[in-house]
Structure formats: structure tokens, C-alpha cells
Amino acid sequence: MKVQLPTSYIQVHVPANVQAALAGDENQRLNLIWIALVAVEILMVVSVVVHAVVRAIYPKKRNLQRLDSW
């Protein structure tokens, strides 16, 4: 069973380098993979920095209940 979606109202602009990568241009495909990897790496670094800043502003409360039991 084939499902056909009404795509006449959907206007998606695909950049030329993405079109070239999908068409089989190996160079463009490698460029896109490289850009994606760098973007993921930047997001990881940003998340670590944000986590460090949040922990500096709101430090974890120490569990003092264990020490009180002595």
C-alpha cells in the first residue's frame, strides 16, 4: 500500500551543497559530515561549560545526615 502525501504546498529550500551531497558528490558529503561533527563537538563543549557554571552558582548540597549519625 502506497501512501502519497500532498506535497504541493510544502516548499523546502535545500542548500546547493546538500543537494550535491545527496546527488553523490563525495567531496560535498565529506564536508557535510565534517561540519556535523564539529557542530556536535561545539555543542558538547557548550554543555560542559553551562553545567560547570550552573554547578558554580548552585552547588550541590552535601549529604550531612551521614556525618550526623556518628
PDB file of N, CA and C in Angstrom:
ATOM      1  N   MET A   1       0.842  -1.184   0.000  1.00  0.00           N
ATOM      2  CA  MET A   1       0.000   0.000   0.000  1.00  0.00           C
ATOM      3  C   MET A   1       0.882   1.241   0.000  1.00  0.00           C
ATOM      4  N   LYS A   2       0.690   2.089  -0.952  1.00  0.00           N
ATOM      5  CA  LYS A   2       1.496   3.287  -1.079  1.00  0.00           C
ATOM      6  C   LYS A   2       0.743   4.469  -0.485  1.00  0.00           C
ATOM      7  N   VAL A   3       1.435   5.226   0.336  1.00  0.00           N
ATOM      8  CA  VAL A   3       0.829   6.426   0.923  1.00  0.00           C
ATOM      9  C   VAL A   3       1.407   7.627   0.204  1.00  0.00           C
ATOM     10  N   GLN A   4       0.549   8.442  -0.349  1.00  0.00           N
ATOM     11  CA  GLN A   4       1.015   9.648  -1.031  1.00  0.00           C
ATOM     12  C   GLN A   4       0.659  10.861  -0.202  1.00  0.00           C
ATOM     13  N   LEU A   5       1.668  11.664   0.053  1.00  0.00           N
ATOM     14  CA  LEU A   5       1.449  12.871   0.832  1.00  0.00           C
ATOM     15  C   LEU A   5       1.240  14.048  -0.110  1.00  0.00           C
ATOM     16  N   PRO A   6       0.316  14.921   0.218  1.00  0.00           N
ATOM     17  CA  PRO A   6       0.133  16.116  -0.616  1.00  0.00           C
ATOM     18  C   PRO A   6       1.271  17.102  -0.377  1.00  0.00           C
ATOM     19  N   THR A   7       2.263  17.056  -1.248  1.00  0.00           N
ATOM     20  CA  THR A   7       3.461  17.871  -1.043  1.00  0.00           C
ATOM     21  C   THR A   7       3.458  19.146  -1.873  1.00  0.00           C
ATOM     22  N   SER A   8       2.360  19.448  -2.524  1.00  0.00           N
ATOM     23  CA  SER A   8       2.358  20.635  -3.379  1.00  0.00           C
ATOM     24  C   SER A   8       2.454  21.920  -2.568  1.00  0.00           C
ATOM     25  N   TYR A   9       2.010  21.892  -1.311  1.00  0.00           N
ATOM     26  CA  TYR A   9       2.050  23.108  -0.503  1.00  0.00           C
ATOM     27  C   TYR A   9       3.315  23.191   0.347  1.00  0.00           C
ATOM     28  N   ILE A  10       4.138  22.165   0.312  1.00  0.00           N
ATOM     29  CA  ILE A  10       5.363  22.167   1.108  1.00  0.00           C
ATOM     30  C   ILE A  10       6.491  22.724   0.244  1.00  0.00           C
ATOM     31  N   GLN A  11       7.079  23.816   0.679  1.00  0.00           N
ATOM     32  CA  GLN A  11       8.203  24.428  -0.031  1.00  0.00           C
ATOM     33  C   GLN A  11       9.439  24.314   0.867  1.00  0.00           C
ATOM     34  N   VAL A  12      10.319  23.400   0.538  1.00  0.00           N
ATOM     35  CA  VAL A  12      11.525  23.205   1.329  1.00  0.00           C
ATOM     36  C   VAL A  12      12.709  23.668   0.504  1.00  0.00           C
ATOM     37  N   HIS A  13      13.478  24.592   1.072  1.00  0.00           N
ATOM     38  CA  HIS A  13      14.673  25.063   0.378  1.00  0.00           C
ATOM     39  C   HIS A  13      15.865  24.231   0.849  1.00  0.00           C
ATOM     40  N   VAL A  14      16.459  23.496  -0.060  1.00  0.00           N
ATOM     41  CA  VAL A  14      17.626  22.675   0.262  1.00  0.00           C
ATOM     42  C   VAL A  14      18.854  23.377  -0.308  1.00  0.00           C
ATOM     43  N   PRO A  15      19.856  23.660   0.540  1.00  0.00           N
ATOM     44  CA  PRO A  15      21.055  24.340   0.046  1.00  0.00           C
ATOM     45  C   PRO A  15      21.755  23.531  -1.048  1.00  0.00           C
ATOM     46  N   ALA A  16      22.527  24.237  -1.859  1.00  0.00           N
ATOM     47  CA  ALA A  16      23.179  23.606  -3.012  1.00  0.00           C
ATOM     48  C   ALA A  16      24.170  22.531  -2.578  1.00  0.00           C
ATOM     49  N   ASN A  17      24.888  22.770  -1.470  1.00  0.00           N
ATOM     50  CA  ASN A  17      25.871  21.768  -1.049  1.00  0.00           C
ATOM     51  C   ASN A  17      25.189  20.493  -0.554  1.00  0.00           C
ATOM     52  N   VAL A  18      24.003  20.626   0.059  1.00  0.00           N
ATOM     53  CA  VAL A  18      23.262  19.438   0.488  1.00  0.00           C
ATOM     54  C   VAL A  18      22.734  18.694  -0.731  1.00  0.00           C
ATOM     55  N   GLN A  19      22.256  19.432  -1.724  1.00  0.00           N
ATOM     56  CA  GLN A  19      21.792  18.795  -2.959  1.00  0.00           C
ATOM     57  C   GLN A  19      22.928  18.041  -3.631  1.00  0.00           C
ATOM     58  N   ALA A  20      24.119  18.648  -3.652  1.00  0.00           N
ATOM     59  CA  ALA A  20      25.265  17.986  -4.275  1.00  0.00           C
ATOM     60  C   ALA A  20      25.653  16.730  -3.500  1.00  0.00           C
ATOM     61  N   ALA A  21      25.587  16.798  -2.166  1.00  0.00           N
ATOM     62  CA  ALA A  21      25.933  15.629  -1.354  1.00  0.00           C
ATOM     63  C   ALA A  21      24.935  14.509  -1.583  1.00  0.00           C
ATOM     64  N   LEU A  22      23.655  14.863  -1.677  1.00  0.00           N
ATOM     65  CA  LEU A  22      22.639  13.841  -1.919  1.00  0.00           C
ATOM     66  C   LEU A  22      22.744  13.279  -3.326  1.00  0.00           C
ATOM     67  N   ALA A  23      23.255  14.079  -4.248  1.00  0.00           N
ATOM     68  CA  ALA A  23      23.389  13.623  -5.630  1.00  0.00           C
ATOM     69  C   ALA A  23      24.593  12.704  -5.804  1.00  0.00           C
ATOM     70  N   GLY A  24      25.465  12.642  -4.805  1.00  0.00           N
ATOM     71  CA  GLY A  24      26.573  11.703  -4.889  1.00  0.00           C
ATOM     72  C   GLY A  24      27.940  12.340  -4.936  1.00  0.00           C
ATOM     73  N   ASP A  25      28.045  13.645  -4.710  1.00  0.00           N
ATOM     74  CA  ASP A  25      29.352  14.303  -4.699  1.00  0.00           C
ATOM     75  C   ASP A  25      30.062  13.949  -3.386  1.00  0.00           C
ATOM     76  N   GLU A  26      31.101  13.133  -3.502  1.00  0.00           N
ATOM     77  CA  GLU A  26      31.792  12.631  -2.309  1.00  0.00           C
ATOM     78  C   GLU A  26      32.433  13.763  -1.510  1.00  0.00           C
ATOM     79  N   ASN A  27      32.974  14.750  -2.208  1.00  0.00           N
ATOM     80  CA  ASN A  27      33.625  15.869  -1.527  1.00  0.00           C
ATOM     81  C   ASN A  27      32.632  16.652  -0.679  1.00  0.00           C
ATOM     82  N   GLN A  28      31.482  16.941  -1.257  1.00  0.00           N
ATOM     83  CA  GLN A  28      30.458  17.678  -0.514  1.00  0.00           C
ATOM     84  C   GLN A  28      29.940  16.850   0.661  1.00  0.00           C
ATOM     85  N   ARG A  29      29.819  15.545   0.464  1.00  0.00           N
ATOM     86  CA  ARG A  29      29.337  14.685   1.544  1.00  0.00           C
ATOM     87  C   ARG A  29      30.320  14.695   2.710  1.00  0.00           C
ATOM     88  N   LEU A  30      31.606  14.605   2.406  1.00  0.00           N
ATOM     89  CA  LEU A  30      32.613  14.639   3.466  1.00  0.00           C
ATOM     90  C   LEU A  30      32.618  15.991   4.169  1.00  0.00           C
ATOM     91  N   ASN A  31      32.417  17.068   3.404  1.00  0.00           N
ATOM     92  CA  ASN A  31      32.341  18.395   4.014  1.00  0.00           C
ATOM     93  C   ASN A  31      31.171  18.480   4.983  1.00  0.00           C
ATOM     94  N   LEU A  32      30.018  17.947   4.584  1.00  0.00           N
ATOM     95  CA  LEU A  32      28.846  18.000   5.460  1.00  0.00           C
ATOM     96  C   LEU A  32      29.054  17.162   6.716  1.00  0.00           C
ATOM     97  N   ILE A  33      29.686  15.990   6.563  1.00  0.00           N
ATOM     98  CA  ILE A  33      29.966  15.149   7.730  1.00  0.00           C
ATOM     99  C   ILE A  33      30.916  15.874   8.677  1.00  0.00           C
ATOM    100  N   TRP A  34      31.932  16.524   8.114  1.00  0.00           N
ATOM    101  CA  TRP A  34      32.896  17.269   8.925  1.00  0.00           C
ATOM    102  C   TRP A  34      32.200  18.401   9.677  1.00  0.00           C
ATOM    103  N   ILE A  35      31.332  19.137   8.988  1.00  0.00           N
ATOM    104  CA  ILE A  35      30.602  20.237   9.627  1.00  0.00           C
ATOM    105  C   ILE A  35      29.711  19.694  10.746  1.00  0.00           C
ATOM    106  N   ALA A  36      29.050  18.567  10.507  1.00  0.00           N
ATOM    107  CA  ALA A  36      28.178  17.984  11.530  1.00  0.00           C
ATOM    108  C   ALA A  36      28.986  17.547  12.754  1.00  0.00           C
ATOM    109  N   LEU A  37      30.142  16.936  12.534  1.00  0.00           N
ATOM    110  CA  LEU A  37      30.971  16.502  13.661  1.00  0.00           C
ATOM    111  C   LEU A  37      31.467  17.688  14.480  1.00  0.00           C
ATOM    112  N   VAL A  38      31.877  18.752  13.803  1.00  0.00           N
ATOM    113  CA  VAL A  38      32.344  19.950  14.512  1.00  0.00           C
ATOM    114  C   VAL A  38      31.196  20.577  15.295  1.00  0.00           C
ATOM    115  N   ALA A  39      29.991  20.590  14.708  1.00  0.00           N
ATOM    116  CA  ALA A  39      28.836  21.156  15.408  1.00  0.00           C
ATOM    117  C   ALA A  39      28.522  20.355  16.667  1.00  0.00           C
ATOM    118  N   VAL A  40      28.590  19.030  16.583  1.00  0.00           N
ATOM    119  CA  VAL A  40      28.334  18.191  17.762  1.00  0.00           C
ATOM    120  C   VAL A  40      29.395  18.437  18.825  1.00  0.00           C
ATOM    121  N   GLU A  41      30.637  18.569  18.408  1.00  0.00           N
ATOM    122  CA  GLU A  41      31.721  18.825  19.358  1.00  0.00           C
ATOM    123  C   GLU A  41      31.523  20.168  20.061  1.00  0.00           C
ATOM    124  N   ILE A  42      31.124  21.188  19.313  1.00  0.00           N
ATOM    125  CA  ILE A  42      30.874  22.504  19.910  1.00  0.00           C
ATOM    126  C   ILE A  42      29.728  22.419  20.913  1.00  0.00           C
ATOM    127  N   LEU A  43      28.667  21.689  20.563  1.00  0.00           N
ATOM    128  CA  LEU A  43      27.544  21.535  21.494  1.00  0.00           C
ATOM    129  C   LEU A  43      27.975  20.822  22.771  1.00  0.00           C
ATOM    130  N   MET A  44      28.857  19.835  22.652  1.00  0.00           N
ATOM    131  CA  MET A  44      29.336  19.124  23.838  1.00  0.00           C
ATOM    132  C   MET A  44      30.132  20.061  24.744  1.00  0.00           C
ATOM    133  N   VAL A  45      31.004  20.874  24.151  1.00  0.00           N
ATOM    134  CA  VAL A  45      31.803  21.810  24.942  1.00  0.00           C
ATOM    135  C   VAL A  45      30.898  22.834  25.619  1.00  0.00           C
ATOM    136  N   VAL A  46      29.909  23.345  24.885  1.00  0.00           N
ATOM    137  CA  VAL A  46      28.981  24.326  25.460  1.00  0.00           C
ATOM    138  C   VAL A  46      28.212  23.705  26.621  1.00  0.00           C
ATOM    139  N   SER A  47      27.787  22.452  26.473  1.00  0.00           N
ATOM    140  CA  SER A  47      27.027  21.821  27.557  1.00  0.00           C
ATOM    141  C   SER A  47      27.895  21.634  28.797  1.00  0.00           C
ATOM    142  N   VAL A  48      29.170  21.301  28.620  1.00  0.00           N
ATOM    143  CA  VAL A  48      30.064  21.143  29.769  1.00  0.00           C
ATOM    144  C   VAL A  48      30.271  22.484  30.466  1.00  0.00           C
ATOM    145  N   VAL A  49      30.453  23.545  29.686  1.00  0.00           N
ATOM    146  CA  VAL A  49      30.663  24.874  30.271  1.00  0.00           C
ATOM    147  C   VAL A  49      29.412  25.330  31.016  1.00  0.00           C
ATOM    148  N   VAL A  50      28.241  25.131  30.404  1.00  0.00           N
ATOM    149  CA  VAL A  50      26.990  25.521  31.066  1.00  0.00           C
ATOM    150  C   VAL A  50      26.809  24.730  32.356  1.00  0.00           C
ATOM    151  N   HIS A  51      27.128  23.443  32.318  1.00  0.00           N
ATOM    152  CA  HIS A  51      26.999  22.619  33.520  1.00  0.00           C
ATOM    153  C   HIS A  51      27.931  23.117  34.617  1.00  0.00           C
ATOM    154  N   ALA A  52      29.165  23.486  34.258  1.00  0.00           N
ATOM    155  CA  ALA A  52      30.114  23.986  35.254  1.00  0.00           C
ATOM    156  C   ALA A  52      29.638  25.308  35.849  1.00  0.00           C
ATOM    157  N   VAL A  53      29.096  26.186  35.023  1.00  0.00           N
ATOM    158  CA  VAL A  53      28.605  27.476  35.518  1.00  0.00           C
ATOM    159  C   VAL A  53      27.417  27.271  36.447  1.00  0.00           C
ATOM    160  N   VAL A  54      26.493  26.392  36.059  1.00  0.00           N
ATOM    161  CA  VAL A  54      25.320  26.136  36.903  1.00  0.00           C
ATOM    162  C   VAL A  54      25.745  25.521  38.226  1.00  0.00           C
ATOM    163  N   ARG A  55      26.712  24.606  38.195  1.00  0.00           N
ATOM    164  CA  ARG A  55      27.180  23.990  39.437  1.00  0.00           C
ATOM    165  C   ARG A  55      27.918  25.005  40.307  1.00  0.00           C
ATOM    166  N   ALA A  56      28.583  25.988  39.699  1.00  0.00           N
ATOM    167  CA  ALA A  56      29.269  27.011  40.487  1.00  0.00           C
ATOM    168  C   ALA A  56      28.258  27.936  41.155  1.00  0.00           C
ATOM    169  N   ILE A  57      27.168  28.229  40.468  1.00  0.00           N
ATOM    170  CA  ILE A  57      26.153  29.121  41.029  1.00  0.00           C
ATOM    171  C   ILE A  57      25.296  28.379  42.044  1.00  0.00           C
ATOM    172  N   TYR A  58      24.879  27.164  41.694  1.00  0.00           N
ATOM    173  CA  TYR A  58      24.035  26.360  42.578  1.00  0.00           C
ATOM    174  C   TYR A  58      24.775  25.077  42.950  1.00  0.00           C
ATOM    175  N   PRO A  59      25.650  25.151  43.952  1.00  0.00           N
ATOM    176  CA  PRO A  59      26.391  23.927  44.304  1.00  0.00           C
ATOM    177  C   PRO A  59      25.465  22.867  44.896  1.00  0.00           C
ATOM    178  N   LYS A  60      25.879  21.613  44.756  1.00  0.00           N
ATOM    179  CA  LYS A  60      25.086  20.520  45.314  1.00  0.00           C
ATOM    180  C   LYS A  60      25.147  20.590  46.832  1.00  0.00           C
ATOM    181  N   LYS A  61      24.024  20.335  47.460  1.00  0.00           N
ATOM    182  CA  LYS A  61      24.004  20.294  48.922  1.00  0.00           C
ATOM    183  C   LYS A  61      24.645  18.984  49.372  1.00  0.00           C
ATOM    184  N   ARG A  62      25.542  19.083  50.335  1.00  0.00           N
ATOM    185  CA  ARG A  62      26.203  17.881  50.847  1.00  0.00           C
ATOM    186  C   ARG A  62      25.221  17.093  51.707  1.00  0.00           C
ATOM    187  N   ASN A  63      25.374  15.804  51.674  1.00  0.00           N
ATOM    188  CA  ASN A  63      24.515  14.956  52.489  1.00  0.00           C
ATOM    189  C   ASN A  63      25.134  14.862  53.885  1.00  0.00           C
ATOM    190  N   LEU A  64      24.697  15.757  54.785  1.00  0.00           N
ATOM    191  CA  LEU A  64      25.280  15.814  56.124  1.00  0.00           C
ATOM    192  C   LEU A  64      24.635  14.818  57.077  1.00  0.00           C
ATOM    193  N   GLN A  65      23.599  14.166  56.645  1.00  0.00           N
ATOM    194  CA  GLN A  65      22.905  13.229  57.524  1.00  0.00           C
ATOM    195  C   GLN A  65      23.814  12.051  57.890  1.00  0.00           C
ATOM    196  N   ARG A  66      24.654  11.627  56.980  1.00  0.00           N
ATOM    197  CA  ARG A  66      25.554  10.512  57.272  1.00  0.00           C
ATOM    198  C   ARG A  66      26.544  10.894  58.365  1.00  0.00           C
ATOM    199  N   LEU A  67      27.040  12.140  58.314  1.00  0.00           N
ATOM    200  CA  LEU A  67      28.019  12.562  59.311  1.00  0.00           C
ATOM    201  C   LEU A  67      27.367  12.740  60.680  1.00  0.00           C
ATOM    202  N   ASP A  68      26.100  13.118  60.701  1.00  0.00           N
ATOM    203  CA  ASP A  68      25.405  13.320  61.974  1.00  0.00           C
ATOM    204  C   ASP A  68      25.158  12.008  62.700  1.00  0.00           C
ATOM    205  N   SER A  69      25.188  10.897  62.006  1.00  0.00           N
ATOM    206  CA  SER A  69      24.879   9.627  62.655  1.00  0.00           C
ATOM    207  C   SER A  69      26.033   9.138  63.521  1.00  0.00           C
ATOM    208  N   TRP A  70      27.211   9.730  63.379  1.00  0.00           N
ATOM    209  CA  TRP A  70      28.351   9.275  64.172  1.00  0.00           C
ATOM    210  C   TRP A  70      28.246   9.798  65.580  1.00  0.00           C
TER     211      TRP A  70
END
